[in-house]
Amino acid sequence: MDSNTLYTARRNMVESQLRCCKVLNPNIIELLMDSPREKYLPEHVRSLAYMEGSVPLPQKQEMLTPLQEAQIIQAVNLKGTEKVLEIGTGSGYLTSLLALLGNEVISCEIHEELAALARQNLANNGIDNAKVVHVNAMNQAELTASSIGKDFDVIVIGAAVARIPAHIQSLLASQGQIIAFVGDDDIVTLEHHVIDASTITSKGITETRLLAMEGIIKTREFVF
């Protein structure tokens, strides 16, 4: 597909998929129009970059849909100063959006092939404030050993989890946000949790279908 065709597809995606679902923030719309999604996809699936459903990635993974990505960045409403932790890098597109809106992004990817793809995509597109770590973030011991740090202002969990793991929540700053796809059925809810001192405000944004997070270890964990 040529650049004009892809630009038209991007514009149609904004009008037919995002605006109708209340993604209306003009800064986000501008960002998505200026951030070619196809550049984060393998060549053979670039024509699918702006379709409504998920796009296949290596390792039997899927890219989040344009609407899911847009709803995440609209909800967390980054101001440019935030330190962000992302769980599930995929091809690195959402990572790039978070990096463009925040100050620093650490992204965890369980598949080495996808971690390498995302690093290359981020470098190719001039994103220099995002770091991709090959690690199973659902394994507390492995995540701790990776020395990714803590006190993140925002945590984004990009695959479905039955509940938000306690060891992930513990990496959040005293005041911060977690956004995650939560549920153990075919349909999960994109939940946004804002922690202010001892107060937690929670909101369900939308219900959707999504692949389950890989590498989860069954333990008793905190539930919001």
N, C-alpha and C. Protein backbone atom coordinates (compact mmCIF):
# COMPACT_ATOMS: atom_id res chain seq x y z
N MET A 1 0.84 -1.19 0.00
CA MET A 1 0.00 0.00 0.00
C MET A 1 0.88 1.25 0.00
N ASP A 2 0.52 2.24 -0.83
CA ASP A 2 1.32 3.45 -0.88
C ASP A 2 0.98 4.37 0.28
N SER A 3 1.78 5.42 0.47
CA SER A 3 1.64 6.28 1.63
C SER A 3 0.29 7.00 1.67
N ASN A 4 -0.22 7.41 0.51
CA ASN A 4 -1.51 8.09 0.46
C ASN A 4 -2.65 7.16 0.88
N THR A 5 -2.58 5.91 0.43
CA THR A 5 -3.60 4.93 0.80
C THR A 5 -3.57 4.67 2.30
N LEU A 6 -2.36 4.55 2.86
CA LEU A 6 -2.23 4.30 4.29
C LEU A 6 -2.70 5.50 5.11
N TYR A 7 -2.42 6.71 4.64
CA TYR A 7 -2.88 7.90 5.35
C TYR A 7 -4.41 7.95 5.36
N THR A 8 -5.02 7.62 4.22
CA THR A 8 -6.48 7.59 4.14
C THR A 8 -7.05 6.53 5.08
N ALA A 9 -6.40 5.36 5.15
CA ALA A 9 -6.84 4.31 6.05
C ALA A 9 -6.73 4.77 7.51
N ARG A 10 -5.67 5.52 7.82
CA ARG A 10 -5.49 6.04 9.17
C ARG A 10 -6.60 7.03 9.52
N ARG A 11 -6.91 7.91 8.58
CA ARG A 11 -7.99 8.88 8.79
C ARG A 11 -9.32 8.18 8.96
N ASN A 12 -9.58 7.16 8.14
CA ASN A 12 -10.84 6.42 8.26
C ASN A 12 -10.93 5.69 9.60
N MET A 13 -9.79 5.19 10.06
CA MET A 13 -9.75 4.53 11.37
C MET A 13 -10.15 5.49 12.47
N VAL A 14 -9.62 6.70 12.43
CA VAL A 14 -9.97 7.70 13.43
C VAL A 14 -11.46 8.01 13.41
N GLU A 15 -12.00 8.19 12.22
CA GLU A 15 -13.41 8.59 12.10
C GLU A 15 -14.38 7.46 12.42
N SER A 16 -14.07 6.25 11.94
CA SER A 16 -15.05 5.15 12.06
C SER A 16 -14.86 4.27 13.28
N GLN A 17 -13.65 4.26 13.87
CA GLN A 17 -13.40 3.41 15.02
C GLN A 17 -13.24 4.18 16.33
N LEU A 18 -12.66 5.36 16.28
CA LEU A 18 -12.31 6.06 17.52
C LEU A 18 -13.35 7.10 17.94
N ARG A 19 -13.67 8.01 17.05
CA ARG A 19 -14.59 9.08 17.42
C ARG A 19 -15.94 8.54 17.86
N CYS A 20 -16.42 7.51 17.19
CA CYS A 20 -17.73 6.96 17.52
C CYS A 20 -17.73 6.26 18.88
N CYS A 21 -16.54 5.96 19.40
CA CYS A 21 -16.41 5.32 20.73
C CYS A 21 -15.85 6.29 21.76
N LYS A 22 -16.05 7.57 21.53
CA LYS A 22 -15.75 8.63 22.48
C LYS A 22 -14.26 8.85 22.72
N VAL A 23 -13.43 8.50 21.74
CA VAL A 23 -12.03 8.94 21.77
C VAL A 23 -12.00 10.26 21.02
N LEU A 24 -12.03 11.34 21.78
CA LEU A 24 -12.25 12.67 21.19
C LEU A 24 -11.15 13.67 21.52
N ASN A 25 -10.22 13.29 22.39
CA ASN A 25 -9.14 14.22 22.77
C ASN A 25 -8.36 14.63 21.52
N PRO A 26 -8.35 15.91 21.17
CA PRO A 26 -7.70 16.33 19.93
C PRO A 26 -6.20 16.05 19.90
N ASN A 27 -5.55 16.08 21.05
CA ASN A 27 -4.11 15.78 21.09
C ASN A 27 -3.85 14.31 20.77
N ILE A 28 -4.72 13.44 21.23
CA ILE A 28 -4.58 12.02 20.93
C ILE A 28 -4.87 11.74 19.46
N ILE A 29 -5.91 12.36 18.95
CA ILE A 29 -6.22 12.19 17.52
C ILE A 29 -5.04 12.63 16.66
N GLU A 30 -4.46 13.77 17.00
CA GLU A 30 -3.30 14.28 16.25
C GLU A 30 -2.12 13.32 16.35
N LEU A 31 -1.88 12.81 17.57
CA LEU A 31 -0.78 11.87 17.77
C LEU A 31 -0.96 10.63 16.91
N LEU A 32 -2.16 10.08 16.89
CA LEU A 32 -2.41 8.86 16.12
C LEU A 32 -2.31 9.12 14.62
N MET A 33 -2.70 10.28 14.19
CA MET A 33 -2.57 10.61 12.77
C MET A 33 -1.10 10.78 12.38
N ASP A 34 -0.27 11.20 13.33
CA ASP A 34 1.14 11.44 13.05
C ASP A 34 2.04 10.24 13.37
N SER A 35 1.44 9.13 13.81
CA SER A 35 2.22 7.95 14.22
C SER A 35 1.81 6.75 13.38
N PRO A 36 2.46 6.54 12.25
CA PRO A 36 2.07 5.46 11.33
C PRO A 36 2.16 4.08 11.99
N ARG A 37 1.02 3.46 12.17
CA ARG A 37 0.94 2.16 12.84
C ARG A 37 1.60 1.05 12.02
N GLU A 38 1.53 1.20 10.70
CA GLU A 38 2.06 0.14 9.83
C GLU A 38 3.57 -0.03 9.99
N LYS A 39 4.27 0.99 10.44
CA LYS A 39 5.72 0.91 10.60
C LYS A 39 6.14 -0.01 11.74
N TYR A 40 5.18 -0.43 12.54
CA TYR A 40 5.47 -1.33 13.66
C TYR A 40 5.00 -2.76 13.37
N LEU A 41 4.68 -3.03 12.12
CA LEU A 41 4.20 -4.35 11.74
C LEU A 41 5.13 -5.01 10.74
N PRO A 42 5.22 -6.36 10.77
CA PRO A 42 5.94 -7.05 9.71
C PRO A 42 5.35 -6.72 8.34
N GLU A 43 6.18 -6.71 7.34
CA GLU A 43 5.77 -6.27 6.01
C GLU A 43 4.51 -6.98 5.51
N HIS A 44 4.39 -8.28 5.75
CA HIS A 44 3.30 -9.04 5.15
C HIS A 44 1.93 -8.75 5.77
N VAL A 45 1.89 -8.03 6.91
CA VAL A 45 0.59 -7.69 7.51
C VAL A 45 0.38 -6.18 7.61
N ARG A 46 1.21 -5.40 6.96
CA ARG A 46 1.06 -3.94 7.06
C ARG A 46 -0.26 -3.44 6.48
N SER A 47 -0.81 -4.16 5.52
CA SER A 47 -2.08 -3.74 4.94
C SER A 47 -3.23 -3.86 5.94
N LEU A 48 -3.01 -4.57 7.05
CA LEU A 48 -4.04 -4.76 8.08
C LEU A 48 -3.93 -3.74 9.21
N ALA A 49 -3.01 -2.81 9.09
CA ALA A 49 -2.67 -1.93 10.22
C ALA A 49 -3.86 -1.17 10.77
N TYR A 50 -4.82 -0.81 9.95
CA TYR A 50 -5.91 0.06 10.40
C TYR A 50 -7.25 -0.63 10.40
N MET A 51 -7.25 -1.95 10.33
CA MET A 51 -8.52 -2.66 10.40
C MET A 51 -9.05 -2.62 11.83
N GLU A 52 -10.31 -2.96 12.00
CA GLU A 52 -10.95 -2.81 13.30
C GLU A 52 -10.51 -3.88 14.29
N GLY A 53 -10.13 -5.06 13.82
CA GLY A 53 -9.76 -6.14 14.71
C GLY A 53 -8.28 -6.15 15.04
N SER A 54 -7.86 -7.24 15.69
CA SER A 54 -6.45 -7.39 16.06
C SER A 54 -5.63 -7.86 14.88
N VAL A 55 -4.37 -7.47 14.86
CA VAL A 55 -3.44 -7.84 13.79
C VAL A 55 -2.49 -8.90 14.34
N PRO A 56 -2.28 -10.01 13.61
CA PRO A 56 -1.39 -11.06 14.11
C PRO A 56 0.06 -10.62 14.16
N LEU A 57 0.74 -11.08 15.21
CA LEU A 57 2.17 -10.83 15.40
C LEU A 57 2.88 -12.17 15.56
N PRO A 58 4.20 -12.18 15.48
CA PRO A 58 4.94 -13.43 15.74
C PRO A 58 4.63 -14.00 17.12
N GLN A 59 4.97 -15.28 17.30
CA GLN A 59 4.76 -15.99 18.57
C GLN A 59 3.28 -16.13 18.93
N LYS A 60 2.42 -16.15 17.89
CA LYS A 60 0.98 -16.33 18.07
C LYS A 60 0.36 -15.23 18.94
N GLN A 61 0.94 -14.05 18.87
CA GLN A 61 0.43 -12.90 19.60
C GLN A 61 -0.38 -12.00 18.67
N GLU A 62 -1.01 -11.00 19.25
CA GLU A 62 -1.82 -10.05 18.50
C GLU A 62 -1.51 -8.63 18.95
N MET A 63 -1.56 -7.71 18.01
CA MET A 63 -1.47 -6.30 18.34
C MET A 63 -2.81 -5.86 18.93
N LEU A 64 -2.79 -5.00 19.92
CA LEU A 64 -4.04 -4.41 20.39
C LEU A 64 -4.72 -3.70 19.24
N THR A 65 -6.03 -3.57 19.28
CA THR A 65 -6.74 -2.86 18.23
C THR A 65 -6.47 -1.36 18.36
N PRO A 66 -6.68 -0.60 17.28
CA PRO A 66 -6.52 0.86 17.37
C PRO A 66 -7.38 1.47 18.48
N LEU A 67 -8.61 0.96 18.64
CA LEU A 67 -9.49 1.50 19.68
C LEU A 67 -8.94 1.21 21.07
N GLN A 68 -8.47 -0.02 21.31
CA GLN A 68 -7.92 -0.36 22.63
C GLN A 68 -6.73 0.53 22.96
N GLU A 69 -5.84 0.73 21.99
CA GLU A 69 -4.67 1.60 22.21
C GLU A 69 -5.11 3.02 22.52
N ALA A 70 -6.06 3.53 21.75
CA ALA A 70 -6.52 4.90 21.94
C ALA A 70 -7.22 5.08 23.28
N GLN A 71 -8.00 4.10 23.69
CA GLN A 71 -8.68 4.19 24.98
C GLN A 71 -7.69 4.20 26.13
N ILE A 72 -6.62 3.43 26.00
CA ILE A 72 -5.59 3.41 27.05
C ILE A 72 -4.93 4.77 27.19
N ILE A 73 -4.46 5.32 26.07
CA ILE A 73 -3.72 6.59 26.19
C ILE A 73 -4.64 7.76 26.56
N GLN A 74 -5.92 7.68 26.16
CA GLN A 74 -6.85 8.73 26.57
C GLN A 74 -7.12 8.64 28.07
N ALA A 75 -7.24 7.43 28.61
CA ALA A 75 -7.55 7.26 30.03
C ALA A 75 -6.41 7.73 30.92
N VAL A 76 -5.17 7.34 30.59
CA VAL A 76 -4.05 7.68 31.49
C VAL A 76 -3.64 9.14 31.37
N ASN A 77 -3.92 9.77 30.23
CA ASN A 77 -3.78 11.23 30.08
C ASN A 77 -2.41 11.73 30.54
N LEU A 78 -1.37 11.21 29.91
CA LEU A 78 -0.01 11.56 30.31
C LEU A 78 0.29 13.03 30.04
N LYS A 79 1.10 13.61 30.94
CA LYS A 79 1.42 15.04 30.87
C LYS A 79 2.85 15.31 30.38
N GLY A 80 3.65 14.26 30.22
CA GLY A 80 5.01 14.44 29.73
C GLY A 80 6.09 14.25 30.78
N THR A 81 5.69 14.02 32.03
CA THR A 81 6.66 13.87 33.11
C THR A 81 6.69 12.46 33.69
N GLU A 82 5.80 11.59 33.23
CA GLU A 82 5.58 10.31 33.89
C GLU A 82 6.61 9.24 33.51
N LYS A 83 6.87 8.39 34.50
CA LYS A 83 7.64 7.17 34.31
C LYS A 83 6.62 6.04 34.17
N VAL A 84 6.66 5.34 33.04
CA VAL A 84 5.62 4.37 32.68
C VAL A 84 6.20 2.97 32.60
N LEU A 85 5.48 2.00 33.17
CA LEU A 85 5.80 0.59 33.01
C LEU A 85 4.73 -0.05 32.14
N GLU A 86 5.16 -0.71 31.08
CA GLU A 86 4.23 -1.43 30.20
C GLU A 86 4.53 -2.92 30.31
N ILE A 87 3.49 -3.74 30.47
CA ILE A 87 3.63 -5.18 30.49
C ILE A 87 3.04 -5.73 29.21
N GLY A 88 3.89 -6.26 28.34
CA GLY A 88 3.44 -6.77 27.05
C GLY A 88 3.74 -5.78 25.93
N THR A 89 4.96 -5.84 25.41
CA THR A 89 5.42 -4.85 24.42
C THR A 89 4.82 -5.09 23.04
N GLY A 90 4.70 -6.38 22.66
CA GLY A 90 4.26 -6.67 21.30
C GLY A 90 5.25 -6.12 20.29
N SER A 91 4.75 -5.42 19.30
CA SER A 91 5.62 -4.84 18.27
C SER A 91 6.16 -3.47 18.63
N GLY A 92 5.70 -2.92 19.77
CA GLY A 92 6.23 -1.64 20.25
C GLY A 92 5.43 -0.41 19.89
N TYR A 93 4.27 -0.58 19.24
CA TYR A 93 3.53 0.62 18.83
C TYR A 93 2.95 1.38 20.02
N LEU A 94 2.23 0.67 20.91
CA LEU A 94 1.71 1.36 22.09
C LEU A 94 2.86 1.89 22.93
N THR A 95 3.96 1.17 22.99
CA THR A 95 5.16 1.64 23.69
C THR A 95 5.57 3.00 23.17
N SER A 96 5.56 3.15 21.86
CA SER A 96 5.98 4.42 21.25
C SER A 96 5.02 5.55 21.60
N LEU A 97 3.72 5.26 21.62
CA LEU A 97 2.74 6.29 21.97
C LEU A 97 2.95 6.75 23.42
N LEU A 98 3.16 5.78 24.31
CA LEU A 98 3.41 6.12 25.72
C LEU A 98 4.69 6.93 25.86
N ALA A 99 5.71 6.59 25.07
CA ALA A 99 6.98 7.32 25.13
C ALA A 99 6.84 8.74 24.59
N LEU A 100 6.04 8.91 23.57
CA LEU A 100 5.83 10.24 23.01
C LEU A 100 5.04 11.14 23.96
N LEU A 101 4.20 10.53 24.78
CA LEU A 101 3.36 11.30 25.70
C LEU A 101 3.96 11.44 27.09
N GLY A 102 4.80 10.48 27.50
CA GLY A 102 5.39 10.50 28.83
C GLY A 102 6.86 10.86 28.80
N ASN A 103 7.54 10.63 29.93
CA ASN A 103 8.96 10.96 30.01
C ASN A 103 9.85 9.76 29.76
N GLU A 104 9.45 8.60 30.30
CA GLU A 104 10.27 7.39 30.21
C GLU A 104 9.36 6.17 30.24
N VAL A 105 9.67 5.18 29.41
CA VAL A 105 8.89 3.94 29.39
C VAL A 105 9.83 2.75 29.53
N ILE A 106 9.49 1.86 30.45
CA ILE A 106 10.11 0.55 30.54
C ILE A 106 9.05 -0.46 30.13
N SER A 107 9.34 -1.27 29.11
CA SER A 107 8.35 -2.21 28.60
C SER A 107 8.88 -3.63 28.72
N CYS A 108 8.06 -4.53 29.27
CA CYS A 108 8.45 -5.92 29.51
C CYS A 108 7.78 -6.84 28.49
N GLU A 109 8.57 -7.68 27.85
CA GLU A 109 8.06 -8.61 26.83
C GLU A 109 8.59 -10.01 27.10
N ILE A 110 7.68 -10.98 27.16
CA ILE A 110 8.06 -12.35 27.49
C ILE A 110 8.74 -13.07 26.33
N HIS A 111 8.44 -12.67 25.08
CA HIS A 111 9.00 -13.34 23.90
C HIS A 111 10.22 -12.57 23.38
N GLU A 112 11.34 -13.24 23.31
CA GLU A 112 12.58 -12.60 22.86
C GLU A 112 12.45 -12.07 21.44
N GLU A 113 11.75 -12.82 20.57
CA GLU A 113 11.58 -12.38 19.18
C GLU A 113 10.83 -11.06 19.11
N LEU A 114 9.77 -10.93 19.89
CA LEU A 114 9.00 -9.69 19.90
C LEU A 114 9.78 -8.55 20.56
N ALA A 115 10.52 -8.86 21.60
CA ALA A 115 11.34 -7.82 22.24
C ALA A 115 12.34 -7.24 21.24
N ALA A 116 12.97 -8.11 20.45
CA ALA A 116 13.93 -7.65 19.45
C ALA A 116 13.23 -6.84 18.36
N LEU A 117 12.05 -7.30 17.92
CA LEU A 117 11.28 -6.57 16.91
C LEU A 117 10.90 -5.19 17.41
N ALA A 118 10.43 -5.12 18.65
CA ALA A 118 10.02 -3.83 19.21
C ALA A 118 11.20 -2.87 19.35
N ARG A 119 12.33 -3.38 19.80
CA ARG A 119 13.51 -2.51 19.92
C ARG A 119 13.89 -1.92 18.57
N GLN A 120 13.84 -2.75 17.53
CA GLN A 120 14.19 -2.27 16.20
C GLN A 120 13.17 -1.25 15.71
N ASN A 121 11.88 -1.53 15.93
CA ASN A 121 10.83 -0.59 15.52
C ASN A 121 10.97 0.75 16.21
N LEU A 122 11.23 0.72 17.50
CA LEU A 122 11.38 1.97 18.25
C LEU A 122 12.59 2.76 17.75
N ALA A 123 13.69 2.07 17.50
CA ALA A 123 14.89 2.75 16.98
C ALA A 123 14.63 3.33 15.60
N ASN A 124 13.96 2.56 14.76
CA ASN A 124 13.67 3.02 13.39
C ASN A 124 12.78 4.25 13.37
N ASN A 125 11.97 4.42 14.40
CA ASN A 125 11.03 5.53 14.44
C ASN A 125 11.45 6.64 15.40
N GLY A 126 12.72 6.62 15.81
CA GLY A 126 13.28 7.72 16.58
C GLY A 126 12.83 7.79 18.03
N ILE A 127 12.36 6.69 18.60
CA ILE A 127 11.93 6.68 20.00
C ILE A 127 13.14 6.29 20.86
N ASP A 128 13.64 7.23 21.64
CA ASP A 128 14.86 6.97 22.41
C ASP A 128 14.64 7.03 23.92
N ASN A 129 13.39 7.15 24.36
CA ASN A 129 13.11 7.18 25.80
C ASN A 129 12.27 5.98 26.24
N ALA A 130 12.37 4.88 25.49
CA ALA A 130 11.69 3.64 25.84
C ALA A 130 12.70 2.50 25.82
N LYS A 131 12.66 1.66 26.85
CA LYS A 131 13.55 0.51 26.96
C LYS A 131 12.72 -0.75 27.00
N VAL A 132 13.05 -1.73 26.16
CA VAL A 132 12.34 -3.01 26.13
C VAL A 132 13.18 -4.06 26.85
N VAL A 133 12.57 -4.72 27.82
CA VAL A 133 13.26 -5.74 28.62
C VAL A 133 12.62 -7.10 28.33
N HIS A 134 13.45 -8.07 27.96
CA HIS A 134 12.95 -9.44 27.73
C HIS A 134 12.83 -10.13 29.09
N VAL A 135 11.59 -10.24 29.58
CA VAL A 135 11.37 -10.81 30.91
C VAL A 135 9.92 -11.25 31.02
N ASN A 136 9.67 -12.28 31.80
CA ASN A 136 8.31 -12.67 32.15
C ASN A 136 7.88 -11.84 33.36
N ALA A 137 7.16 -10.78 33.11
CA ALA A 137 6.78 -9.86 34.19
C ALA A 137 5.79 -10.49 35.16
N MET A 138 5.14 -11.57 34.77
CA MET A 138 4.20 -12.24 35.65
C MET A 138 4.91 -13.10 36.69
N ASN A 139 6.20 -13.32 36.52
CA ASN A 139 7.00 -14.07 37.48
C ASN A 139 7.73 -13.07 38.38
N GLN A 140 7.31 -12.99 39.62
CA GLN A 140 7.84 -11.96 40.51
C GLN A 140 9.35 -12.04 40.66
N ALA A 141 9.88 -13.25 40.83
CA ALA A 141 11.33 -13.41 41.02
C ALA A 141 12.08 -12.97 39.77
N GLU A 142 11.57 -13.34 38.61
CA GLU A 142 12.23 -12.97 37.36
C GLU A 142 12.18 -11.47 37.13
N LEU A 143 11.03 -10.88 37.44
CA LEU A 143 10.90 -9.43 37.26
C LEU A 143 11.81 -8.67 38.21
N THR A 144 11.90 -9.12 39.46
CA THR A 144 12.78 -8.47 40.43
C THR A 144 14.24 -8.57 39.99
N ALA A 145 14.62 -9.74 39.46
CA ALA A 145 15.99 -9.93 39.01
C ALA A 145 16.35 -9.06 37.82
N SER A 146 15.34 -8.61 37.07
CA SER A 146 15.60 -7.79 35.88
C SER A 146 15.97 -6.36 36.23
N SER A 147 15.77 -5.96 37.49
CA SER A 147 16.14 -4.62 37.98
C SER A 147 15.51 -3.50 37.14
N ILE A 148 14.20 -3.62 36.88
CA ILE A 148 13.53 -2.58 36.08
C ILE A 148 13.25 -1.33 36.90
N GLY A 149 13.34 -1.43 38.23
CA GLY A 149 13.06 -0.27 39.07
C GLY A 149 11.65 -0.32 39.64
N LYS A 150 11.25 0.78 40.24
CA LYS A 150 9.92 0.87 40.86
C LYS A 150 9.47 2.33 40.85
N ASP A 151 8.41 2.61 41.59
CA ASP A 151 7.84 3.97 41.67
C ASP A 151 7.44 4.49 40.30
N PHE A 152 6.73 3.65 39.55
CA PHE A 152 6.20 4.06 38.25
C PHE A 152 4.93 4.88 38.46
N ASP A 153 4.79 5.94 37.70
CA ASP A 153 3.60 6.78 37.78
C ASP A 153 2.40 6.11 37.12
N VAL A 154 2.68 5.34 36.09
CA VAL A 154 1.62 4.66 35.33
C VAL A 154 2.09 3.26 34.99
N ILE A 155 1.18 2.28 35.15
CA ILE A 155 1.44 0.91 34.73
C ILE A 155 0.35 0.50 33.76
N VAL A 156 0.77 -0.01 32.60
CA VAL A 156 -0.16 -0.47 31.56
C VAL A 156 0.04 -1.96 31.37
N ILE A 157 -1.03 -2.75 31.58
CA ILE A 157 -0.97 -4.20 31.38
C ILE A 157 -1.74 -4.50 30.09
N GLY A 158 -1.00 -4.94 29.05
CA GLY A 158 -1.56 -5.01 27.72
C GLY A 158 -2.08 -6.35 27.27
N ALA A 159 -2.41 -7.24 28.22
CA ALA A 159 -3.07 -8.50 27.90
C ALA A 159 -4.00 -8.82 29.06
N ALA A 160 -4.89 -9.79 28.87
CA ALA A 160 -5.92 -10.05 29.87
C ALA A 160 -5.37 -10.79 31.09
N VAL A 161 -5.72 -10.29 32.27
CA VAL A 161 -5.37 -10.95 33.52
C VAL A 161 -6.64 -11.12 34.35
N ALA A 162 -6.69 -12.22 35.13
CA ALA A 162 -7.85 -12.44 35.99
C ALA A 162 -7.92 -11.39 37.09
N ARG A 163 -6.75 -10.94 37.54
CA ARG A 163 -6.65 -9.88 38.53
C ARG A 163 -5.28 -9.21 38.37
N ILE A 164 -5.14 -8.02 38.88
CA ILE A 164 -3.87 -7.32 38.78
C ILE A 164 -2.90 -7.91 39.80
N PRO A 165 -1.77 -8.45 39.35
CA PRO A 165 -0.84 -9.10 40.29
C PRO A 165 -0.32 -8.13 41.34
N ALA A 166 -0.22 -8.61 42.57
CA ALA A 166 0.24 -7.76 43.67
C ALA A 166 1.66 -7.26 43.45
N HIS A 167 2.52 -8.11 42.86
CA HIS A 167 3.91 -7.68 42.68
C HIS A 167 4.04 -6.62 41.60
N ILE A 168 3.08 -6.58 40.68
CA ILE A 168 3.05 -5.50 39.68
C ILE A 168 2.55 -4.22 40.35
N GLN A 169 1.47 -4.33 41.10
CA GLN A 169 0.93 -3.16 41.79
C GLN A 169 1.95 -2.54 42.72
N SER A 170 2.82 -3.35 43.33
CA SER A 170 3.81 -2.84 44.28
C SER A 170 4.84 -1.94 43.62
N LEU A 171 4.92 -1.97 42.29
CA LEU A 171 5.88 -1.12 41.58
C LEU A 171 5.34 0.28 41.31
N LEU A 172 4.08 0.50 41.68
CA LEU A 172 3.45 1.79 41.44
C LEU A 172 3.91 2.80 42.48
N ALA A 173 4.08 4.05 42.07
CA ALA A 173 4.38 5.13 43.00
C ALA A 173 3.20 5.31 43.96
N SER A 174 3.41 6.04 45.05
CA SER A 174 2.36 6.20 46.07
C SER A 174 1.10 6.82 45.49
N GLN A 175 1.26 7.64 44.48
CA GLN A 175 0.12 8.16 43.75
C GLN A 175 0.35 7.84 42.27
N GLY A 176 -0.53 7.04 41.69
CA GLY A 176 -0.31 6.63 40.31
C GLY A 176 -1.53 5.98 39.71
N GLN A 177 -1.34 5.41 38.52
CA GLN A 177 -2.43 4.81 37.78
C GLN A 177 -2.04 3.42 37.28
N ILE A 178 -3.01 2.52 37.30
CA ILE A 178 -2.86 1.23 36.63
C ILE A 178 -4.03 1.07 35.67
N ILE A 179 -3.74 0.67 34.44
CA ILE A 179 -4.79 0.35 33.49
C ILE A 179 -4.52 -1.04 32.95
N ALA A 180 -5.57 -1.88 32.96
CA ALA A 180 -5.38 -3.29 32.64
C ALA A 180 -6.68 -3.88 32.11
N PHE A 181 -6.54 -4.95 31.33
CA PHE A 181 -7.69 -5.73 30.87
C PHE A 181 -7.91 -6.85 31.88
N VAL A 182 -9.03 -6.81 32.60
CA VAL A 182 -9.24 -7.70 33.73
C VAL A 182 -10.46 -8.59 33.50
N GLY A 183 -10.28 -9.88 33.74
CA GLY A 183 -11.38 -10.84 33.63
C GLY A 183 -10.84 -12.21 33.33
N ASP A 184 -11.63 -13.24 33.62
CA ASP A 184 -11.20 -14.60 33.34
C ASP A 184 -12.15 -15.34 32.42
N ASP A 185 -12.97 -14.59 31.69
CA ASP A 185 -13.87 -15.16 30.69
C ASP A 185 -13.42 -14.68 29.31
N ASP A 186 -14.21 -15.01 28.29
CA ASP A 186 -13.88 -14.57 26.93
C ASP A 186 -13.93 -13.05 26.81
N ILE A 187 -14.80 -12.41 27.58
CA ILE A 187 -14.93 -10.96 27.56
C ILE A 187 -14.28 -10.38 28.81
N VAL A 188 -13.37 -9.44 28.64
CA VAL A 188 -12.69 -8.80 29.76
C VAL A 188 -13.01 -7.31 29.76
N THR A 189 -12.72 -6.66 30.87
CA THR A 189 -13.00 -5.23 31.02
C THR A 189 -11.70 -4.44 31.11
N LEU A 190 -11.61 -3.40 30.33
CA LEU A 190 -10.48 -2.48 30.45
C LEU A 190 -10.76 -1.59 31.66
N GLU A 191 -9.98 -1.80 32.73
CA GLU A 191 -10.18 -1.08 33.99
C GLU A 191 -9.08 -0.05 34.21
N HIS A 192 -9.48 1.10 34.71
CA HIS A 192 -8.55 2.18 35.02
C HIS A 192 -8.64 2.48 36.51
N HIS A 193 -7.50 2.30 37.22
CA HIS A 193 -7.45 2.53 38.65
C HIS A 193 -6.50 3.69 38.93
N VAL A 194 -6.98 4.68 39.67
CA VAL A 194 -6.18 5.84 40.06
C VAL A 194 -6.01 5.81 41.57
N ILE A 195 -4.76 5.82 42.04
CA ILE A 195 -4.46 5.76 43.46
C ILE A 195 -3.96 7.13 43.92
N ASP A 196 -4.67 7.71 44.86
CA ASP A 196 -4.32 9.01 45.42
C ASP A 196 -4.25 8.86 46.93
N ALA A 197 -3.01 8.81 47.46
CA ALA A 197 -2.80 8.51 48.88
C ALA A 197 -3.42 7.15 49.18
N SER A 198 -4.41 7.09 50.07
CA SER A 198 -5.02 5.81 50.42
C SER A 198 -6.33 5.57 49.67
N THR A 199 -6.67 6.44 48.76
CA THR A 199 -7.94 6.34 48.02
C THR A 199 -7.70 5.74 46.64
N ILE A 200 -8.54 4.77 46.28
CA ILE A 200 -8.46 4.16 44.96
C ILE A 200 -9.76 4.45 44.22
N THR A 201 -9.65 5.08 43.06
CA THR A 201 -10.80 5.32 42.21
C THR A 201 -10.71 4.39 41.01
N SER A 202 -11.74 3.61 40.78
CA SER A 202 -11.72 2.62 39.71
C SER A 202 -12.85 2.87 38.72
N LYS A 203 -12.55 2.63 37.45
CA LYS A 203 -13.53 2.84 36.40
C LYS A 203 -13.38 1.78 35.33
N GLY A 204 -14.48 1.18 34.92
CA GLY A 204 -14.47 0.28 33.78
C GLY A 204 -14.71 1.08 32.52
N ILE A 205 -13.78 0.95 31.56
CA ILE A 205 -13.86 1.77 30.35
C ILE A 205 -14.67 1.09 29.26
N THR A 206 -14.37 -0.20 29.02
CA THR A 206 -15.08 -0.91 27.97
C THR A 206 -14.91 -2.41 28.19
N GLU A 207 -15.78 -3.19 27.57
CA GLU A 207 -15.63 -4.64 27.55
C GLU A 207 -15.13 -5.05 26.17
N THR A 208 -14.25 -6.05 26.13
CA THR A 208 -13.64 -6.42 24.87
C THR A 208 -13.13 -7.86 24.94
N ARG A 209 -12.70 -8.39 23.82
CA ARG A 209 -12.03 -9.69 23.76
C ARG A 209 -10.53 -9.45 23.68
N LEU A 210 -9.75 -10.31 24.33
CA LEU A 210 -8.30 -10.14 24.32
C LEU A 210 -7.63 -11.44 24.71
N LEU A 211 -6.44 -11.67 24.15
CA LEU A 211 -5.66 -12.83 24.54
C LEU A 211 -5.25 -12.73 25.99
N ALA A 212 -5.18 -13.88 26.65
CA ALA A 212 -4.75 -13.91 28.05
C ALA A 212 -3.25 -13.66 28.15
N MET A 213 -2.85 -13.04 29.24
CA MET A 213 -1.44 -12.81 29.53
C MET A 213 -0.73 -14.15 29.69
N GLU A 214 0.46 -14.26 29.12
CA GLU A 214 1.25 -15.48 29.25
C GLU A 214 2.16 -15.40 30.47
N GLY A 215 2.56 -16.57 30.97
CA GLY A 215 3.55 -16.64 32.03
C GLY A 215 3.02 -16.41 33.42
N ILE A 216 1.69 -16.44 33.60
CA ILE A 216 1.13 -16.16 34.92
C ILE A 216 1.36 -17.35 35.85
N ILE A 217 1.83 -17.06 37.05
CA ILE A 217 2.00 -18.07 38.10
C ILE A 217 0.82 -17.96 39.06
N LYS A 218 0.19 -19.08 39.32
CA LYS A 218 -1.02 -19.07 40.16
C LYS A 218 -0.65 -18.86 41.63
N THR A 219 -1.06 -17.72 42.17
CA THR A 219 -0.85 -17.42 43.58
C THR A 219 -2.04 -16.63 44.09
N ARG A 220 -2.12 -16.47 45.40
CA ARG A 220 -3.15 -15.58 45.98
C ARG A 220 -2.66 -14.15 45.83
N GLU A 221 -3.51 -13.29 45.23
CA GLU A 221 -3.05 -11.95 44.92
C GLU A 221 -4.11 -10.91 45.28
N PHE A 222 -3.64 -9.69 45.46
CA PHE A 222 -4.53 -8.56 45.77
C PHE A 222 -5.49 -8.30 44.64
N VAL A 223 -6.73 -8.00 44.98
CA VAL A 223 -7.73 -7.63 43.98
C VAL A 223 -8.29 -6.28 44.34
N PHE A 224 -8.37 -5.39 43.38
CA PHE A 224 -8.95 -4.08 43.64
C PHE A 224 -10.44 -4.24 44.01
